[in-house]
N, C-alpha and C. Protein backbone atom coordinates (compact mmCIF):
# COMPACT_ATOMS: atom_id res chain seq x y z
N MET A 1 0.86 -1.17 -0.01
CA MET A 1 0.00 0.01 0.01
C MET A 1 0.89 1.24 0.00
N THR A 2 0.62 2.16 -0.85
CA THR A 2 1.43 3.40 -0.88
C THR A 2 0.57 4.56 -0.38
N CYS A 3 1.25 5.48 0.20
CA CYS A 3 0.60 6.68 0.74
C CYS A 3 1.06 7.86 -0.09
N THR A 4 0.14 8.54 -0.66
CA THR A 4 0.52 9.72 -1.46
C THR A 4 0.13 10.98 -0.73
N VAL A 5 1.03 11.88 -0.75
CA VAL A 5 0.80 13.20 -0.10
C VAL A 5 0.94 14.25 -1.17
N SER A 6 -0.04 15.05 -1.31
CA SER A 6 0.05 16.14 -2.27
C SER A 6 1.02 17.19 -1.79
N PRO A 7 1.69 17.89 -2.68
CA PRO A 7 2.67 18.89 -2.30
C PRO A 7 2.10 20.00 -1.36
N GLY A 8 0.83 20.30 -1.50
CA GLY A 8 0.22 21.32 -0.64
C GLY A 8 0.10 20.85 0.81
N GLN A 9 -0.12 19.56 1.01
CA GLN A 9 -0.28 19.04 2.36
C GLN A 9 1.05 19.09 3.12
N SER A 10 2.14 18.68 2.50
CA SER A 10 3.41 18.69 3.21
C SER A 10 3.85 20.13 3.46
N ARG A 11 3.60 21.04 2.59
CA ARG A 11 3.96 22.42 2.76
C ARG A 11 3.19 23.03 3.92
N SER A 12 1.90 22.67 3.95
CA SER A 12 1.02 23.21 4.99
C SER A 12 1.49 22.73 6.36
N GLY A 13 1.83 21.45 6.47
CA GLY A 13 2.34 20.93 7.72
C GLY A 13 3.65 21.58 8.18
N PHE A 14 4.47 21.86 7.21
CA PHE A 14 5.74 22.54 7.53
C PHE A 14 5.52 23.94 8.06
N PHE A 15 4.64 24.69 7.42
CA PHE A 15 4.36 26.07 7.88
C PHE A 15 3.65 26.05 9.21
N THR A 16 2.80 25.08 9.43
CA THR A 16 2.15 24.95 10.76
C THR A 16 3.19 24.69 11.82
N TRP A 17 4.16 23.85 11.52
CA TRP A 17 5.22 23.56 12.50
C TRP A 17 6.07 24.82 12.76
N ILE A 18 6.43 25.55 11.71
CA ILE A 18 7.20 26.79 11.85
C ILE A 18 6.40 27.80 12.71
N ARG A 19 5.12 27.91 12.44
CA ARG A 19 4.30 28.88 13.17
C ARG A 19 4.25 28.48 14.66
N SER A 20 4.07 27.21 14.92
CA SER A 20 4.03 26.73 16.32
C SER A 20 5.36 27.00 17.05
N ALA A 21 6.45 26.78 16.34
CA ALA A 21 7.78 27.04 16.92
C ALA A 21 7.95 28.54 17.21
N LEU A 22 7.54 29.37 16.31
CA LEU A 22 7.65 30.85 16.54
C LEU A 22 6.80 31.33 17.70
N VAL A 23 5.58 30.80 17.78
CA VAL A 23 4.69 31.16 18.89
C VAL A 23 5.30 30.74 20.20
N ALA A 24 5.83 29.52 20.25
CA ALA A 24 6.45 29.01 21.48
C ALA A 24 7.70 29.87 21.84
N LEU A 25 8.47 30.25 20.84
CA LEU A 25 9.63 31.09 21.10
C LEU A 25 9.24 32.48 21.65
N LEU A 26 8.24 33.08 21.07
CA LEU A 26 7.76 34.39 21.53
C LEU A 26 7.20 34.27 22.96
N ARG A 27 6.44 33.21 23.20
CA ARG A 27 5.85 33.01 24.52
C ARG A 27 6.97 32.86 25.58
N ARG A 28 8.00 32.09 25.24
CA ARG A 28 9.11 31.89 26.17
C ARG A 28 9.82 33.20 26.45
N GLY A 29 9.96 34.05 25.42
CA GLY A 29 10.57 35.37 25.63
C GLY A 29 9.79 36.22 26.57
N GLU A 30 8.43 36.19 26.40
CA GLU A 30 7.59 36.96 27.33
C GLU A 30 7.68 36.42 28.76
N GLU A 31 7.76 35.10 28.86
CA GLU A 31 7.90 34.48 30.22
C GLU A 31 9.19 34.92 30.87
N ARG A 32 10.30 34.95 30.09
CA ARG A 32 11.60 35.33 30.65
C ARG A 32 11.59 36.79 31.11
N LYS A 33 10.94 37.65 30.31
CA LYS A 33 10.86 39.06 30.66
C LYS A 33 10.05 39.24 31.94
N ALA A 34 8.92 38.56 32.06
CA ALA A 34 8.09 38.65 33.26
C ALA A 34 8.82 38.10 34.46
N THR A 35 9.55 37.02 34.31
CA THR A 35 10.34 36.43 35.38
C THR A 35 11.38 37.43 35.85
N HIS A 36 12.08 38.04 34.93
CA HIS A 36 13.11 39.02 35.29
C HIS A 36 12.52 40.22 36.05
N GLU A 37 11.38 40.68 35.57
CA GLU A 37 10.73 41.82 36.24
C GLU A 37 10.28 41.46 37.63
N LEU A 38 9.69 40.28 37.83
CA LEU A 38 9.27 39.84 39.16
C LEU A 38 10.46 39.62 40.08
N LEU A 39 11.52 39.04 39.56
CA LEU A 39 12.69 38.82 40.40
C LEU A 39 13.36 40.11 40.87
N SER A 40 13.13 41.22 40.12
CA SER A 40 13.69 42.49 40.52
C SER A 40 12.91 43.16 41.66
N LEU A 41 11.76 42.65 41.96
CA LEU A 41 10.96 43.22 43.10
C LEU A 41 11.46 42.66 44.44
N ASN A 42 11.22 43.42 45.48
CA ASN A 42 11.64 42.94 46.80
C ASN A 42 10.59 41.96 47.34
N ASP A 43 10.93 41.24 48.38
CA ASP A 43 10.08 40.22 48.95
C ASP A 43 8.76 40.77 49.50
N HIS A 44 8.78 41.98 50.00
CA HIS A 44 7.57 42.58 50.54
C HIS A 44 6.53 42.85 49.40
N LEU A 45 7.00 43.38 48.26
CA LEU A 45 6.09 43.57 47.15
C LEU A 45 5.55 42.23 46.59
N LEU A 46 6.40 41.25 46.51
CA LEU A 46 5.98 39.94 46.05
C LEU A 46 4.91 39.39 47.01
N SER A 47 5.11 39.56 48.29
CA SER A 47 4.17 39.09 49.25
C SER A 47 2.82 39.79 49.13
N ASP A 48 2.86 41.08 48.85
CA ASP A 48 1.64 41.84 48.61
C ASP A 48 0.84 41.29 47.41
N MET A 49 1.54 40.73 46.44
CA MET A 49 0.92 40.12 45.26
C MET A 49 0.52 38.66 45.52
N GLY A 50 0.86 38.14 46.66
CA GLY A 50 0.54 36.76 46.99
C GLY A 50 1.54 35.77 46.40
N LEU A 51 2.74 36.21 46.17
CA LEU A 51 3.81 35.37 45.64
C LEU A 51 4.97 35.28 46.56
N ALA A 52 5.62 34.13 46.58
CA ALA A 52 6.90 33.95 47.20
C ALA A 52 7.92 33.91 46.09
N ARG A 53 9.15 34.25 46.35
CA ARG A 53 10.19 34.28 45.33
C ARG A 53 10.32 32.92 44.62
N CYS A 54 10.16 31.83 45.38
CA CYS A 54 10.28 30.50 44.82
C CYS A 54 9.15 30.13 43.87
N GLU A 55 8.06 30.89 43.86
CA GLU A 55 6.91 30.60 43.05
C GLU A 55 6.88 31.35 41.73
N ILE A 56 7.85 32.24 41.47
CA ILE A 56 7.80 33.12 40.33
C ILE A 56 7.86 32.33 39.03
N GLU A 57 8.79 31.38 38.96
CA GLU A 57 8.92 30.59 37.70
C GLU A 57 7.60 29.98 37.29
N ASN A 58 6.86 29.39 38.21
CA ASN A 58 5.60 28.74 37.90
C ASN A 58 4.51 29.79 37.66
N ALA A 59 4.57 30.88 38.38
CA ALA A 59 3.52 31.89 38.27
C ALA A 59 3.45 32.53 36.88
N VAL A 60 4.60 32.73 36.26
CA VAL A 60 4.59 33.37 34.94
C VAL A 60 4.06 32.45 33.85
N ARG A 61 3.97 31.19 34.11
CA ARG A 61 3.44 30.25 33.09
C ARG A 61 1.93 30.03 33.24
N LEU A 62 1.34 30.56 34.27
CA LEU A 62 -0.09 30.41 34.50
C LEU A 62 -0.87 31.27 33.53
N PRO A 63 -2.10 30.89 33.19
CA PRO A 63 -2.93 31.74 32.30
C PRO A 63 -3.21 33.06 32.97
N ALA A 64 -3.47 34.08 32.16
CA ALA A 64 -3.69 35.42 32.69
C ALA A 64 -4.93 35.49 33.57
N ASP A 65 -5.92 34.67 33.36
CA ASP A 65 -7.15 34.73 34.14
C ASP A 65 -7.10 33.81 35.34
N TYR A 66 -5.98 33.21 35.63
CA TYR A 66 -5.83 32.32 36.79
C TYR A 66 -5.86 33.14 38.07
N ARG A 67 -6.58 32.66 39.05
CA ARG A 67 -6.71 33.37 40.34
C ARG A 67 -5.99 32.60 41.43
N PRO A 68 -4.76 32.90 41.77
CA PRO A 68 -4.06 32.13 42.77
C PRO A 68 -4.66 32.27 44.15
N ALA A 69 -5.46 33.29 44.39
CA ALA A 69 -6.10 33.48 45.68
C ALA A 69 -7.04 32.30 46.03
N CYS A 70 -7.48 31.58 45.03
CA CYS A 70 -8.33 30.42 45.23
C CYS A 70 -7.61 29.37 46.08
N LEU A 71 -6.33 29.30 45.93
CA LEU A 71 -5.52 28.33 46.65
C LEU A 71 -4.99 28.84 48.01
N TRP A 72 -5.31 30.06 48.34
CA TRP A 72 -4.75 30.66 49.53
C TRP A 72 -5.05 29.87 50.81
N PRO A 73 -6.28 29.39 51.04
CA PRO A 73 -6.51 28.65 52.30
C PRO A 73 -5.64 27.39 52.40
N GLU A 74 -5.51 26.65 51.32
CA GLU A 74 -4.67 25.46 51.32
C GLU A 74 -3.21 25.78 51.54
N ARG A 75 -2.76 26.87 50.95
CA ARG A 75 -1.37 27.30 51.10
C ARG A 75 -1.10 27.73 52.53
N GLN A 76 -2.05 28.39 53.14
CA GLN A 76 -1.91 28.81 54.55
C GLN A 76 -1.77 27.59 55.46
N LYS A 77 -2.59 26.58 55.20
CA LYS A 77 -2.53 25.35 55.99
C LYS A 77 -1.15 24.74 55.93
N ARG A 78 -0.61 24.63 54.76
CA ARG A 78 0.73 24.05 54.59
C ARG A 78 1.80 24.85 55.32
N ARG A 79 1.75 26.20 55.18
CA ARG A 79 2.70 27.06 55.86
C ARG A 79 2.57 26.94 57.38
N ASN A 80 1.33 26.93 57.87
CA ASN A 80 1.13 26.84 59.28
C ASN A 80 1.64 25.49 59.82
N TYR A 81 1.43 24.44 59.06
CA TYR A 81 1.87 23.10 59.48
C TYR A 81 3.36 23.05 59.54
N ARG A 82 4.06 23.67 58.62
CA ARG A 82 5.53 23.68 58.60
C ARG A 82 6.10 24.40 59.85
N HIS A 83 5.41 25.43 60.30
CA HIS A 83 5.92 26.23 61.38
C HIS A 83 5.51 25.69 62.75
N MET A 84 4.64 24.72 62.78
CA MET A 84 4.20 24.12 64.06
C MET A 84 5.31 23.20 64.56
N LYS A 85 5.37 23.08 65.87
CA LYS A 85 6.37 22.15 66.48
C LYS A 85 5.70 20.79 66.50
N HIS A 86 6.44 19.81 65.94
CA HIS A 86 5.96 18.45 65.90
C HIS A 86 6.71 17.60 66.90
N PRO A 87 5.99 16.74 67.66
CA PRO A 87 6.66 15.93 68.70
C PRO A 87 7.52 14.80 68.04
């Protein structure tokens, strides 16, 4: 059995791949810029935004409409548990 591909199909796939690569490259550049800007802020400002310095890398990859405050109660429980004295 032979598989025939018309010239238009292979060209279309190639351009789709190039477009996807360019979009990913641009997105990564925006993430790096946002990461750099957030890392330049002091810990107090980051805390006001609900971020810890160690969370910046993941935070810049979240969708723009993501609401991290939804996770605040769970995050507080984990932080409180870490600071409690355990027998």
